Amino acid sequence: MKHEDFSNLVASIKQAGQIRRGEMPPSRSFELQPDDISLHVSKKAFRANLKPVTKHFDMRNS
């Protein structure tokens, strides 16, 4: 990895930590409402194809 790319990655990780701890606001955020999401299939067909989540990742305790 190039030194400049690695430095940018380290800075990004530090910034993510600051945002997570509430020390800095995120530069942007999105709030989606169910009505904002459109499906190209019917809701019934969408629900029929949902698969249960088998893994859960919790970044709060990392």
C-alpha atoms as a PDB file:
ATOM      1  CA  MET A   1       0.000   0.000   0.000  1.00  0.00           C
ATOM      2  CA  LYS A   2       1.283   3.441  -0.852  1.00  0.00           C
ATOM      3  CA  HIS A   3       2.337   5.554   2.133  1.00  0.00           C
ATOM      4  CA  GLU A   4      -0.126   8.332   1.227  1.00  0.00           C
ATOM      5  CA  ASP A   5      -3.018   5.849   0.970  1.00  0.00           C
ATOM      6  CA  PHE A   6      -2.075   4.304   4.318  1.00  0.00           C
ATOM      7  CA  SER A   7      -1.907   7.743   5.946  1.00  0.00           C
ATOM      8  CA  ASN A   8      -5.389   8.540   4.595  1.00  0.00           C
ATOM      9  CA  LEU A   9      -6.686   5.231   5.940  1.00  0.00           C
ATOM     10  CA  VAL A  10      -5.249   5.892   9.407  1.00  0.00           C
ATOM     11  CA  ALA A  11      -6.734   9.397   9.441  1.00  0.00           C
ATOM     12  CA  SER A  12     -10.113   8.006   8.398  1.00  0.00           C
ATOM     13  CA  ILE A  13     -10.054   5.389  11.164  1.00  0.00           C
ATOM     14  CA  LYS A  14      -9.169   8.034  13.761  1.00  0.00           C
ATOM     15  CA  GLN A  15     -11.988  10.249  12.476  1.00  0.00           C
ATOM     16  CA  ALA A  16     -14.437   7.328  12.675  1.00  0.00           C
ATOM     17  CA  GLY A  17     -13.435   6.841  16.318  1.00  0.00           C
ATOM     18  CA  GLN A  18     -14.070  10.513  17.069  1.00  0.00           C
ATOM     19  CA  ILE A  19     -17.499  10.328  15.432  1.00  0.00           C
ATOM     20  CA  ARG A  20     -18.356   7.145  17.327  1.00  0.00           C
ATOM     21  CA  ARG A  21     -17.356   8.696  20.664  1.00  0.00           C
ATOM     22  CA  GLY A  22     -19.427  11.803  19.910  1.00  0.00           C
ATOM     23  CA  GLU A  23     -16.362  14.058  19.757  1.00  0.00           C
ATOM     24  CA  MET A  24     -17.127  15.063  16.182  1.00  0.00           C
ATOM     25  CA  PRO A  25     -20.332  15.084  14.115  1.00  0.00           C
ATOM     26  CA  PRO A  26     -20.459  12.988  10.941  1.00  0.00           C
ATOM     27  CA  SER A  27     -20.044  14.994   7.760  1.00  0.00           C
ATOM     28  CA  ARG A  28     -23.328  13.577   6.462  1.00  0.00           C
ATOM     29  CA  SER A  29     -26.067  11.267   7.600  1.00  0.00           C
ATOM     30  CA  PHE A  30     -29.159   9.760   6.065  1.00  0.00           C
ATOM     31  CA  GLU A  31     -32.506   8.867   7.553  1.00  0.00           C
ATOM     32  CA  LEU A  32     -34.696   6.652   5.433  1.00  0.00           C
ATOM     33  CA  GLN A  33     -38.372   6.160   5.976  1.00  0.00           C
ATOM     34  CA  PRO A  34     -40.051   2.964   4.749  1.00  0.00           C
ATOM     35  CA  ASP A  35     -41.951   5.012   2.172  1.00  0.00           C
ATOM     36  CA  ASP A  36     -38.637   6.246   0.710  1.00  0.00           C
ATOM     37  CA  ILE A  37     -37.693   2.732  -0.361  1.00  0.00           C
ATOM     38  CA  SER A  38     -39.136   1.435  -3.575  1.00  0.00           C
ATOM     39  CA  LEU A  39     -39.122  -2.207  -4.545  1.00  0.00           C
ATOM     40  CA  HIS A  40     -39.011  -3.583  -8.037  1.00  0.00           C
ATOM     41  CA  VAL A  41     -40.976  -6.588  -6.800  1.00  0.00           C
ATOM     42  CA  SER A  42     -44.163  -6.784  -4.797  1.00  0.00           C
ATOM     43  CA  LYS A  43     -43.841  -6.559  -1.027  1.00  0.00           C
ATOM     44  CA  LYS A  44     -45.217 -10.087  -0.733  1.00  0.00           C
ATOM     45  CA  ALA A  45     -42.549 -11.473  -3.098  1.00  0.00           C
ATOM     46  CA  PHE A  46     -39.858  -9.469  -1.299  1.00  0.00           C
ATOM     47  CA  ARG A  47     -40.851 -10.873   2.105  1.00  0.00           C
ATOM     48  CA  ALA A  48     -40.977 -14.400   0.687  1.00  0.00           C
ATOM     49  CA  ASN A  49     -37.322 -14.110  -0.380  1.00  0.00           C
ATOM     50  CA  LEU A  50     -35.985 -12.695   2.888  1.00  0.00           C
ATOM     51  CA  LYS A  51     -33.462 -14.905   4.602  1.00  0.00           C
ATOM     52  CA  PRO A  52     -32.801 -14.792   8.335  1.00  0.00           C
ATOM     53  CA  VAL A  53     -29.629 -13.052   9.443  1.00  0.00           C
ATOM     54  CA  THR A  54     -27.110 -15.632  10.561  1.00  0.00           C
ATOM     55  CA  LYS A  55     -24.424 -13.283  11.868  1.00  0.00           C
ATOM     56  CA  HIS A  56     -24.598 -10.092  13.897  1.00  0.00           C
ATOM     57  CA  PHE A  57     -21.739  -7.623  14.005  1.00  0.00           C
ATOM     58  CA  ASP A  58     -21.623  -5.183  16.911  1.00  0.00           C
ATOM     59  CA  MET A  59     -18.994  -2.488  16.447  1.00  0.00           C
ATOM     60  CA  ARG A  60     -19.712  -0.896  19.850  1.00  0.00           C
ATOM     61  CA  ASN A  61     -17.631  -3.477  21.728  1.00  0.00           C
ATOM     62  CA  SER A  62     -14.683  -3.671  19.362  1.00  0.00           C
END
